[in-house]
Amino acid sequence: MAAGTSTIREHGNAYNIFILVLTLFSLLIMVLQLLPLDATTLDLLRVYDNAICLIFLGDFAYNLLGSRPRRQYFIYQRGWLDLLGSIPALGFFQLTALFRLARLSRLARVARLLSGKHRSELIRDVVQNRGQYALFITLLSAGIVMVISSLVVLQAESTSSDSNIKSGGDALWWALVTITTVGYGDRFPVTPIGRGTAVFVMLAGVGIIGALASILASLLVPSAEEVAAADDGAAAGTADGSDVARELAMLRAEIAELRVALGERTSAG
């Protein structure tokens, strides 16, 4: 690297859109924590907020390690605000919830990066990197469905005397096993709202698992274009090999003729 130059880690559009949507969703969770909800719902919201904080901490570390010098991102790109907005509360540091407003800096930076892209450029990027977009969209969809469904089921089931979903942990466990289509059956909704939500989660889970399976298959199985390119390369290699063999045969014939001519001159002398 030349002296005096600085670099900042760049991300693809799919990753930037993922961070943008996740930031908006985290701000929505922050707003919900300000509402007069019951203690179990607030505890569940804090669990999700801490999980998002860990993702943002990973994003901060990834950006910081990819910047040269480090202050280029930490100071000039306001990475310190990203750090403040990523500190999890973990049940001990409740005042860190005030730092969530620092996520607006990340939101503004990512929105500014995406606003500089033309629509045709974004469409072309989606076509060329559809695997990345599919992966991030699938992960976002799974997370959003889990959060919303667990909150709705907890609100609907906690007031029913026949329900066995009474705490945020019960609702989180139910949402996890339902969206993954495992369905242990130890936690299940009994109210109409809860069962309607369960039907939605089951249908969404089937689609999400299918999408993840197709993404994995696309990574392991080569596409038709890659197979065609490999066949063309093999055919070109075979053609090149036959040309080399033909040239070697011609060289051997010329060497044999030279040897015969040299032997005739030697015997004549």
C-alpha atoms as a PDB file:
ATOM      1  CA  MET A   1       0.000   0.000   0.000  1.00  0.00           C
ATOM      2  CA  ALA A   2       1.345   3.415  -0.915  1.00  0.00           C
ATOM      3  CA  ALA A   3       2.155   5.869   1.840  1.00  0.00           C
ATOM      4  CA  GLY A   4      -0.629   8.299   2.669  1.00  0.00           C
ATOM      5  CA  THR A   5      -3.396   6.207   1.089  1.00  0.00           C
ATOM      6  CA  SER A   6      -6.462   5.093   3.047  1.00  0.00           C
ATOM      7  CA  THR A   7      -8.966   2.372   2.359  1.00  0.00           C
ATOM      8  CA  ILE A   8     -12.392   1.528   3.756  1.00  0.00           C
ATOM      9  CA  ARG A   9     -13.914  -1.908   3.466  1.00  0.00           C
ATOM     10  CA  GLU A  10     -16.592  -1.908   0.804  1.00  0.00           C
ATOM     11  CA  HIS A  11     -19.691  -4.100   0.853  1.00  0.00           C
ATOM     12  CA  GLY A  12     -21.987  -5.333  -1.848  1.00  0.00           C
ATOM     13  CA  ASN A  13     -25.452  -3.926  -2.331  1.00  0.00           C
ATOM     14  CA  ALA A  14     -27.023  -7.076  -0.893  1.00  0.00           C
ATOM     15  CA  TYR A  15     -25.111  -6.666   2.376  1.00  0.00           C
ATOM     16  CA  ASN A  16     -25.919  -2.941   2.556  1.00  0.00           C
ATOM     17  CA  ILE A  17     -29.632  -3.604   2.058  1.00  0.00           C
ATOM     18  CA  PHE A  18     -29.467  -6.292   4.760  1.00  0.00           C
ATOM     19  CA  ILE A  19     -27.900  -3.844   7.238  1.00  0.00           C
ATOM     20  CA  LEU A  20     -30.364  -1.107   6.238  1.00  0.00           C
ATOM     21  CA  VAL A  21     -33.443  -3.254   6.852  1.00  0.00           C
ATOM     22  CA  LEU A  22     -31.983  -4.674  10.061  1.00  0.00           C
ATOM     23  CA  THR A  23     -31.296  -1.169  11.342  1.00  0.00           C
ATOM     24  CA  LEU A  24     -34.862  -0.074  10.619  1.00  0.00           C
ATOM     25  CA  PHE A  25     -36.187  -3.189  12.345  1.00  0.00           C
ATOM     26  CA  SER A  26     -33.966  -2.571  15.383  1.00  0.00           C
ATOM     27  CA  LEU A  27     -35.302   0.985  15.664  1.00  0.00           C
ATOM     28  CA  LEU A  28     -38.841  -0.424  15.584  1.00  0.00           C
ATOM     29  CA  ILE A  29     -37.959  -2.771  18.450  1.00  0.00           C
ATOM     30  CA  MET A  30     -36.550   0.206  20.341  1.00  0.00           C
ATOM     31  CA  VAL A  31     -39.841   2.070  19.896  1.00  0.00           C
ATOM     32  CA  LEU A  32     -41.817  -0.972  21.096  1.00  0.00           C
ATOM     33  CA  GLN A  33     -39.750  -1.058  24.285  1.00  0.00           C
ATOM     34  CA  LEU A  34     -41.002   2.446  25.082  1.00  0.00           C
ATOM     35  CA  LEU A  35     -44.643   1.340  25.013  1.00  0.00           C
ATOM     36  CA  PRO A  36     -46.490   0.344  28.219  1.00  0.00           C
ATOM     37  CA  LEU A  37     -46.234  -3.411  27.598  1.00  0.00           C
ATOM     38  CA  ASP A  38     -46.131  -6.187  30.170  1.00  0.00           C
ATOM     39  CA  ALA A  39     -42.840  -7.349  31.667  1.00  0.00           C
ATOM     40  CA  THR A  40     -42.669 -10.645  29.754  1.00  0.00           C
ATOM     41  CA  THR A  41     -43.060  -8.884  26.395  1.00  0.00           C
ATOM     42  CA  LEU A  42     -40.417  -6.319  27.294  1.00  0.00           C
ATOM     43  CA  ASP A  43     -38.032  -9.100  28.309  1.00  0.00           C
ATOM     44  CA  LEU A  44     -38.544 -10.795  24.937  1.00  0.00           C
ATOM     45  CA  LEU A  45     -37.963  -7.508  23.127  1.00  0.00           C
ATOM     46  CA  ARG A  46     -34.696  -7.054  25.010  1.00  0.00           C
ATOM     47  CA  VAL A  47     -33.577 -10.529  23.948  1.00  0.00           C
ATOM     48  CA  TYR A  48     -34.116  -9.635  20.304  1.00  0.00           C
ATOM     49  CA  ASP A  49     -32.458  -6.260  20.778  1.00  0.00           C
ATOM     50  CA  ASN A  50     -29.351  -7.879  22.272  1.00  0.00           C
ATOM     51  CA  ALA A  51     -29.219 -10.378  19.396  1.00  0.00           C
ATOM     52  CA  ILE A  52     -29.273  -7.515  16.884  1.00  0.00           C
ATOM     53  CA  CYS A  53     -26.562  -5.762  18.903  1.00  0.00           C
ATOM     54  CA  LEU A  54     -24.298  -8.778  18.452  1.00  0.00           C
ATOM     55  CA  ILE A  55     -24.835  -8.648  14.685  1.00  0.00           C
ATOM     56  CA  PHE A  56     -24.008  -4.949  14.648  1.00  0.00           C
ATOM     57  CA  LEU A  57     -20.901  -5.586  16.758  1.00  0.00           C
ATOM     58  CA  GLY A  58     -19.747  -8.092  14.151  1.00  0.00           C
ATOM     59  CA  ASP A  59     -20.399  -5.527  11.418  1.00  0.00           C
ATOM     60  CA  PHE A  60     -18.404  -2.912  13.346  1.00  0.00           C
ATOM     61  CA  ALA A  61     -15.445  -5.254  13.828  1.00  0.00           C
ATOM     62  CA  TYR A  62     -15.567  -6.301  10.165  1.00  0.00           C
ATOM     63  CA  ASN A  63     -15.495  -2.666   9.008  1.00  0.00           C
ATOM     64  CA  LEU A  64     -12.808  -1.664  11.482  1.00  0.00           C
ATOM     65  CA  LEU A  65     -10.440  -4.502  10.561  1.00  0.00           C
ATOM     66  CA  GLY A  66     -10.875  -3.742   6.863  1.00  0.00           C
ATOM     67  CA  SER A  67      -9.998  -0.046   7.149  1.00  0.00           C
ATOM     68  CA  ARG A  68      -6.492   1.334   6.725  1.00  0.00           C
ATOM     69  CA  PRO A  69      -5.797   3.278   8.849  1.00  0.00           C
ATOM     70  CA  ARG A  70      -8.332   2.270  11.463  1.00  0.00           C
ATOM     71  CA  ARG A  71      -9.191   5.873  12.317  1.00  0.00           C
ATOM     72  CA  GLN A  72     -10.457   6.340   8.764  1.00  0.00           C
ATOM     73  CA  TYR A  73     -13.535   4.328   9.663  1.00  0.00           C
ATOM     74  CA  PHE A  74     -13.638   4.862  13.425  1.00  0.00           C
ATOM     75  CA  ILE A  75     -13.414   8.664  13.332  1.00  0.00           C
ATOM     76  CA  TYR A  76     -14.012  10.031   9.852  1.00  0.00           C
ATOM     77  CA  GLN A  77     -16.759   7.538   8.952  1.00  0.00           C
ATOM     78  CA  ARG A  78     -18.206   7.793  12.496  1.00  0.00           C
ATOM     79  CA  GLY A  79     -17.563   4.194  13.351  1.00  0.00           C
ATOM     80  CA  TRP A  80     -17.595   5.141  17.023  1.00  0.00           C
ATOM     81  CA  LEU A  81     -21.330   5.805  16.653  1.00  0.00           C
ATOM     82  CA  ASP A  82     -21.728   2.299  15.233  1.00  0.00           C
ATOM     83  CA  LEU A  83     -19.969   0.978  18.328  1.00  0.00           C
ATOM     84  CA  LEU A  84     -22.201   2.936  20.702  1.00  0.00           C
ATOM     85  CA  GLY A  85     -25.316   1.679  18.955  1.00  0.00           C
ATOM     86  CA  SER A  86     -24.091  -1.918  19.167  1.00  0.00           C
ATOM     87  CA  ILE A  87     -23.456  -2.248  22.910  1.00  0.00           C
ATOM     88  CA  PRO A  88     -25.874  -4.877  24.264  1.00  0.00           C
ATOM     89  CA  ALA A  89     -27.664  -4.307  27.549  1.00  0.00           C
ATOM     90  CA  LEU A  90     -27.514  -7.984  28.673  1.00  0.00           C
ATOM     91  CA  GLY A  91     -29.764  -7.153  31.617  1.00  0.00           C
ATOM     92  CA  PHE A  92     -27.058  -5.154  33.404  1.00  0.00           C
ATOM     93  CA  PHE A  93     -26.398  -1.980  31.427  1.00  0.00           C
ATOM     94  CA  GLN A  94     -29.889  -0.607  30.987  1.00  0.00           C
ATOM     95  CA  LEU A  95     -28.602   2.886  30.196  1.00  0.00           C
ATOM     96  CA  THR A  96     -27.068   1.587  26.986  1.00  0.00           C
ATOM     97  CA  ALA A  97     -30.587   1.606  25.520  1.00  0.00           C
ATOM     98  CA  LEU A  98     -30.098   5.329  25.042  1.00  0.00           C
ATOM     99  CA  PHE A  99     -27.200   4.588  22.703  1.00  0.00           C
ATOM    100  CA  ARG A 100     -29.574   2.925  20.235  1.00  0.00           C
ATOM    101  CA  LEU A 101     -30.171   6.327  18.663  1.00  0.00           C
ATOM    102  CA  ALA A 102     -26.590   6.171  17.404  1.00  0.00           C
ATOM    103  CA  ARG A 103     -27.845   3.605  14.879  1.00  0.00           C
ATOM    104  CA  LEU A 104     -29.286   6.501  12.926  1.00  0.00           C
ATOM    105  CA  SER A 105     -25.712   7.223  11.802  1.00  0.00           C
ATOM    106  CA  ARG A 106     -25.391   3.736  10.296  1.00  0.00           C
ATOM    107  CA  LEU A 107     -28.820   4.127   8.723  1.00  0.00           C
ATOM    108  CA  ALA A 108     -27.866   7.443   7.112  1.00  0.00           C
ATOM    109  CA  ARG A 109     -24.534   6.107   5.817  1.00  0.00           C
ATOM    110  CA  VAL A 110     -26.016   2.996   4.224  1.00  0.00           C
ATOM    111  CA  ALA A 111     -28.928   4.958   2.755  1.00  0.00           C
ATOM    112  CA  ARG A 112     -26.460   7.425   1.260  1.00  0.00           C
ATOM    113  CA  LEU A 113     -24.477   4.597  -0.330  1.00  0.00           C
ATOM    114  CA  LEU A 114     -27.576   3.036  -1.842  1.00  0.00           C
ATOM    115  CA  SER A 115     -28.990   6.345  -3.044  1.00  0.00           C
ATOM    116  CA  GLY A 116     -25.928   6.819  -5.244  1.00  0.00           C
ATOM    117  CA  LYS A 117     -26.816   3.683  -7.212  1.00  0.00           C
ATOM    118  CA  HIS A 118     -28.908   3.938 -10.355  1.00  0.00           C
ATOM    119  CA  ARG A 119     -31.916   1.684 -10.706  1.00  0.00           C
ATOM    120  CA  SER A 120     -30.483  -0.108 -13.729  1.00  0.00           C
ATOM    121  CA  GLU A 121     -27.249  -0.711 -11.831  1.00  0.00           C
ATOM    122  CA  LEU A 122     -29.125  -2.209  -8.880  1.00  0.00           C
ATOM    123  CA  ILE A 123     -31.176  -4.456 -11.174  1.00  0.00           C
ATOM    124  CA  ARG A 124     -28.024  -5.671 -12.903  1.00  0.00           C
ATOM    125  CA  ASP A 125     -26.399  -6.321  -9.536  1.00  0.00           C
ATOM    126  CA  VAL A 126     -29.428  -8.317  -8.365  1.00  0.00           C
ATOM    127  CA  VAL A 127     -29.252 -10.483 -11.498  1.00  0.00           C
ATOM    128  CA  GLN A 128     -25.513 -11.068 -11.205  1.00  0.00           C
ATOM    129  CA  ASN A 129     -25.487 -11.703  -7.426  1.00  0.00           C
ATOM    130  CA  ARG A 130     -28.924 -13.223  -6.939  1.00  0.00           C
ATOM    131  CA  GLY A 131     -27.483 -15.862  -4.612  1.00  0.00           C
ATOM    132  CA  GLN A 132     -26.337 -13.224  -2.109  1.00  0.00           C
ATOM    133  CA  TYR A 133     -29.657 -11.381  -2.267  1.00  0.00           C
ATOM    134  CA  ALA A 134     -31.569 -14.628  -1.786  1.00  0.00           C
ATOM    135  CA  LEU A 135     -29.477 -15.529   1.259  1.00  0.00           C
ATOM    136  CA  PHE A 136     -29.846 -12.149   2.985  1.00  0.00           C
ATOM    137  CA  ILE A 137     -33.563 -11.910   2.158  1.00  0.00           C
ATOM    138  CA  THR A 138     -34.126 -15.398   3.550  1.00  0.00           C
ATOM    139  CA  LEU A 139     -32.286 -14.615   6.789  1.00  0.00           C
ATOM    140  CA  LEU A 140     -34.156 -11.331   7.195  1.00  0.00           C
ATOM    141  CA  SER A 141     -37.485 -12.998   6.532  1.00  0.00           C
ATOM    142  CA  ALA A 142     -36.777 -15.730   9.093  1.00  0.00           C
ATOM    143  CA  GLY A 143     -35.775 -13.195  11.749  1.00  0.00           C
ATOM    144  CA  ILE A 144     -38.726 -10.888  11.149  1.00  0.00           C
ATOM    145  CA  VAL A 145     -41.235 -13.757  11.153  1.00  0.00           C
ATOM    146  CA  MET A 146     -39.784 -15.108  14.397  1.00  0.00           C
ATOM    147  CA  VAL A 147     -39.889 -11.748  16.156  1.00  0.00           C
ATOM    148  CA  ILE A 148     -43.396 -10.765  15.079  1.00  0.00           C
ATOM    149  CA  SER A 149     -44.955 -14.203  15.572  1.00  0.00           C
ATOM    150  CA  SER A 150     -43.463 -14.713  19.029  1.00  0.00           C
ATOM    151  CA  LEU A 151     -44.673 -11.285  20.160  1.00  0.00           C
ATOM    152  CA  VAL A 152     -48.190 -11.839  18.808  1.00  0.00           C
ATOM    153  CA  VAL A 153     -48.447 -15.324  20.293  1.00  0.00           C
ATOM    154  CA  LEU A 154     -47.146 -14.139  23.640  1.00  0.00           C
ATOM    155  CA  GLN A 155     -49.735 -11.365  23.768  1.00  0.00           C
ATOM    156  CA  ALA A 156     -52.542 -13.722  22.777  1.00  0.00           C
ATOM    157  CA  GLU A 157     -51.578 -16.731  24.887  1.00  0.00           C
ATOM    158  CA  SER A 158     -50.413 -15.099  28.101  1.00  0.00           C
ATOM    159  CA  THR A 159     -53.979 -14.078  28.954  1.00  0.00           C
ATOM    160  CA  SER A 160     -55.457 -17.563  28.438  1.00  0.00           C
ATOM    161  CA  SER A 161     -55.689 -19.929  31.388  1.00  0.00           C
ATOM    162  CA  ASP A 162     -55.399 -22.997  29.129  1.00  0.00           C
ATOM    163  CA  SER A 163     -52.253 -21.853  27.378  1.00  0.00           C
ATOM    164  CA  ASN A 164     -48.774 -23.239  28.064  1.00  0.00           C
ATOM    165  CA  ILE A 165     -46.990 -20.244  26.508  1.00  0.00           C
ATOM    166  CA  LYS A 166     -46.642 -17.852  29.420  1.00  0.00           C
ATOM    167  CA  SER A 167     -43.157 -16.312  29.138  1.00  0.00           C
ATOM    168  CA  GLY A 168     -40.974 -14.771  26.487  1.00  0.00           C
ATOM    169  CA  GLY A 169     -38.755 -17.827  26.530  1.00  0.00           C
ATOM    170  CA  ASP A 170     -41.751 -20.064  25.783  1.00  0.00           C
ATOM    171  CA  ALA A 171     -42.785 -17.871  22.875  1.00  0.00           C
ATOM    172  CA  LEU A 172     -39.237 -17.742  21.487  1.00  0.00           C
ATOM    173  CA  TRP A 173     -38.863 -21.529  21.736  1.00  0.00           C
ATOM    174  CA  TRP A 174     -42.240 -22.082  20.058  1.00  0.00           C
ATOM    175  CA  ALA A 175     -41.387 -19.689  17.206  1.00  0.00           C
ATOM    176  CA  LEU A 176     -37.996 -21.339  16.658  1.00  0.00           C
ATOM    177  CA  VAL A 177     -39.245 -24.926  16.505  1.00  0.00           C
ATOM    178  CA  THR A 178     -42.234 -23.921  14.373  1.00  0.00           C
ATOM    179  CA  ILE A 179     -40.382 -21.923  11.747  1.00  0.00           C
ATOM    180  CA  THR A 180     -37.811 -24.705  11.376  1.00  0.00           C
ATOM    181  CA  THR A 181     -40.715 -27.154  10.810  1.00  0.00           C
ATOM    182  CA  VAL A 182     -39.530 -29.306  13.752  1.00  0.00           C
ATOM    183  CA  GLY A 183     -42.576 -28.870  15.959  1.00  0.00           C
ATOM    184  CA  TYR A 184     -41.806 -30.657  19.242  1.00  0.00           C
ATOM    185  CA  GLY A 185     -45.315 -30.042  20.515  1.00  0.00           C
ATOM    186  CA  ASP A 186     -44.274 -29.127  24.049  1.00  0.00           C
ATOM    187  CA  ARG A 187     -45.444 -25.535  23.452  1.00  0.00           C
ATOM    188  CA  PHE A 188     -48.505 -24.822  21.314  1.00  0.00           C
ATOM    189  CA  PRO A 189     -51.076 -22.026  21.012  1.00  0.00           C
ATOM    190  CA  VAL A 190     -54.708 -22.575  22.008  1.00  0.00           C
ATOM    191  CA  THR A 191     -56.306 -19.199  21.213  1.00  0.00           C
ATOM    192  CA  PRO A 192     -57.672 -18.379  17.731  1.00  0.00           C
ATOM    193  CA  ILE A 193     -55.135 -15.596  17.236  1.00  0.00           C
ATOM    194  CA  GLY A 194     -52.304 -17.850  18.334  1.00  0.00           C
ATOM    195  CA  ARG A 195     -53.347 -20.682  16.042  1.00  0.00           C
ATOM    196  CA  GLY A 196     -53.790 -18.347  13.105  1.00  0.00           C
ATOM    197  CA  THR A 197     -50.298 -17.047  13.737  1.00  0.00           C
ATOM    198  CA  ALA A 198     -49.023 -20.623  13.922  1.00  0.00           C
ATOM    199  CA  VAL A 199     -50.469 -21.401  10.479  1.00  0.00           C
ATOM    200  CA  PHE A 200     -48.684 -18.374   9.041  1.00  0.00           C
ATOM    201  CA  VAL A 201     -45.381 -19.338  10.701  1.00  0.00           C
ATOM    202  CA  MET A 202     -45.614 -22.916   9.435  1.00  0.00           C
ATOM    203  CA  LEU A 203     -46.223 -21.796   5.862  1.00  0.00           C
ATOM    204  CA  ALA A 204     -43.418 -19.246   6.100  1.00  0.00           C
ATOM    205  CA  GLY A 205     -41.103 -21.869   7.584  1.00  0.00           C
ATOM    206  CA  VAL A 206     -41.691 -24.233   4.678  1.00  0.00           C
ATOM    207  CA  GLY A 207     -40.796 -21.465   2.224  1.00  0.00           C
ATOM    208  CA  ILE A 208     -37.726 -20.383   4.204  1.00  0.00           C
ATOM    209  CA  ILE A 209     -36.356 -23.916   4.562  1.00  0.00           C
ATOM    210  CA  GLY A 210     -36.959 -24.516   0.861  1.00  0.00           C
ATOM    211  CA  ALA A 211     -35.165 -21.293  -0.021  1.00  0.00           C
ATOM    212  CA  LEU A 212     -32.174 -22.216   2.145  1.00  0.00           C
ATOM    213  CA  ALA A 213     -32.055 -25.673   0.553  1.00  0.00           C
ATOM    214  CA  SER A 214     -32.065 -24.171  -2.941  1.00  0.00           C
ATOM    215  CA  ILE A 215     -29.319 -21.708  -1.985  1.00  0.00           C
ATOM    216  CA  LEU A 216     -27.194 -24.552  -0.626  1.00  0.00           C
ATOM    217  CA  ALA A 217     -27.823 -26.579  -3.773  1.00  0.00           C
ATOM    218  CA  SER A 218     -26.788 -23.666  -5.968  1.00  0.00           C
ATOM    219  CA  LEU A 219     -23.512 -23.424  -4.046  1.00  0.00           C
ATOM    220  CA  LEU A 220     -22.750 -27.136  -4.320  1.00  0.00           C
ATOM    221  CA  VAL A 221     -24.082 -27.909  -7.800  1.00  0.00           C
ATOM    222  CA  PRO A 222     -22.498 -25.979 -10.722  1.00  0.00           C
ATOM    223  CA  SER A 223     -24.822 -24.002 -12.938  1.00  0.00           C
ATOM    224  CA  ALA A 224     -25.460 -24.715 -16.622  1.00  0.00           C
ATOM    225  CA  GLU A 225     -23.235 -21.785 -17.607  1.00  0.00           C
ATOM    226  CA  GLU A 226     -20.355 -23.123 -15.507  1.00  0.00           C
ATOM    227  CA  VAL A 227     -20.778 -26.620 -16.985  1.00  0.00           C
ATOM    228  CA  ALA A 228     -20.837 -25.211 -20.516  1.00  0.00           C
ATOM    229  CA  ALA A 229     -17.732 -23.141 -19.810  1.00  0.00           C
ATOM    230  CA  ALA A 230     -15.965 -26.209 -18.407  1.00  0.00           C
ATOM    231  CA  ASP A 231     -16.931 -28.241 -21.489  1.00  0.00           C
ATOM    232  CA  ASP A 232     -15.661 -25.505 -23.783  1.00  0.00           C
ATOM    233  CA  GLY A 233     -12.414 -25.390 -21.845  1.00  0.00           C
ATOM    234  CA  ALA A 234     -12.020 -29.148 -22.059  1.00  0.00           C
ATOM    235  CA  ALA A 235     -12.759 -29.082 -25.774  1.00  0.00           C
ATOM    236  CA  ALA A 236     -10.245 -26.292 -26.265  1.00  0.00           C
ATOM    237  CA  GLY A 237      -7.698 -28.253 -24.242  1.00  0.00           C
ATOM    238  CA  THR A 238      -8.316 -31.347 -26.360  1.00  0.00           C
ATOM    239  CA  ALA A 239      -7.919 -29.334 -29.546  1.00  0.00           C
ATOM    240  CA  ASP A 240      -4.732 -27.786 -28.229  1.00  0.00           C
ATOM    241  CA  GLY A 241      -3.432 -31.233 -27.300  1.00  0.00           C
ATOM    242  CA  SER A 242      -4.132 -32.629 -30.754  1.00  0.00           C
ATOM    243  CA  ASP A 243      -2.314 -29.677 -32.362  1.00  0.00           C
ATOM    244  CA  VAL A 244       0.720 -30.245 -30.165  1.00  0.00           C
ATOM    245  CA  ALA A 245       0.750 -33.945 -31.012  1.00  0.00           C
ATOM    246  CA  ARG A 246       0.566 -33.121 -34.723  1.00  0.00           C
ATOM    247  CA  GLU A 247       3.462 -30.679 -34.470  1.00  0.00           C
ATOM    248  CA  LEU A 248       5.533 -33.243 -32.554  1.00  0.00           C
ATOM    249  CA  ALA A 249       4.913 -35.830 -35.255  1.00  0.00           C
ATOM    250  CA  MET A 250       6.029 -33.357 -37.937  1.00  0.00           C
ATOM    251  CA  LEU A 251       9.175 -32.520 -35.960  1.00  0.00           C
ATOM    252  CA  ARG A 252      10.017 -36.196 -35.583  1.00  0.00           C
ATOM    253  CA  ALA A 253       9.592 -36.758 -39.336  1.00  0.00           C
ATOM    254  CA  GLU A 254      11.889 -33.827 -40.134  1.00  0.00           C
ATOM    255  CA  ILE A 255      14.506 -35.087 -37.673  1.00  0.00           C
ATOM    256  CA  ALA A 256      14.357 -38.528 -39.299  1.00  0.00           C
ATOM    257  CA  GLU A 257      14.846 -36.992 -42.752  1.00  0.00           C
ATOM    258  CA  LEU A 258      17.799 -34.981 -41.470  1.00  0.00           C
ATOM    259  CA  ARG A 259      19.364 -38.109 -40.038  1.00  0.00           C
ATOM    260  CA  VAL A 260      18.979 -39.939 -43.362  1.00  0.00           C
ATOM    261  CA  ALA A 261      20.500 -37.031 -45.294  1.00  0.00           C
ATOM    262  CA  LEU A 262      23.365 -36.787 -42.827  1.00  0.00           C
ATOM    263  CA  GLY A 263      24.028 -40.551 -43.123  1.00  0.00           C
ATOM    264  CA  GLU A 264      24.138 -40.353 -46.927  1.00  0.00           C
ATOM    265  CA  ARG A 265      26.684 -37.500 -46.847  1.00  0.00           C
ATOM    266  CA  THR A 266      28.804 -39.373 -44.327  1.00  0.00           C
ATOM    267  CA  SER A 267      28.891 -42.551 -46.461  1.00  0.00           C
ATOM    268  CA  ALA A 268      29.690 -40.576 -49.625  1.00  0.00           C
ATOM    269  CA  GLY A 269      32.621 -38.868 -47.912  1.00  0.00           C
END
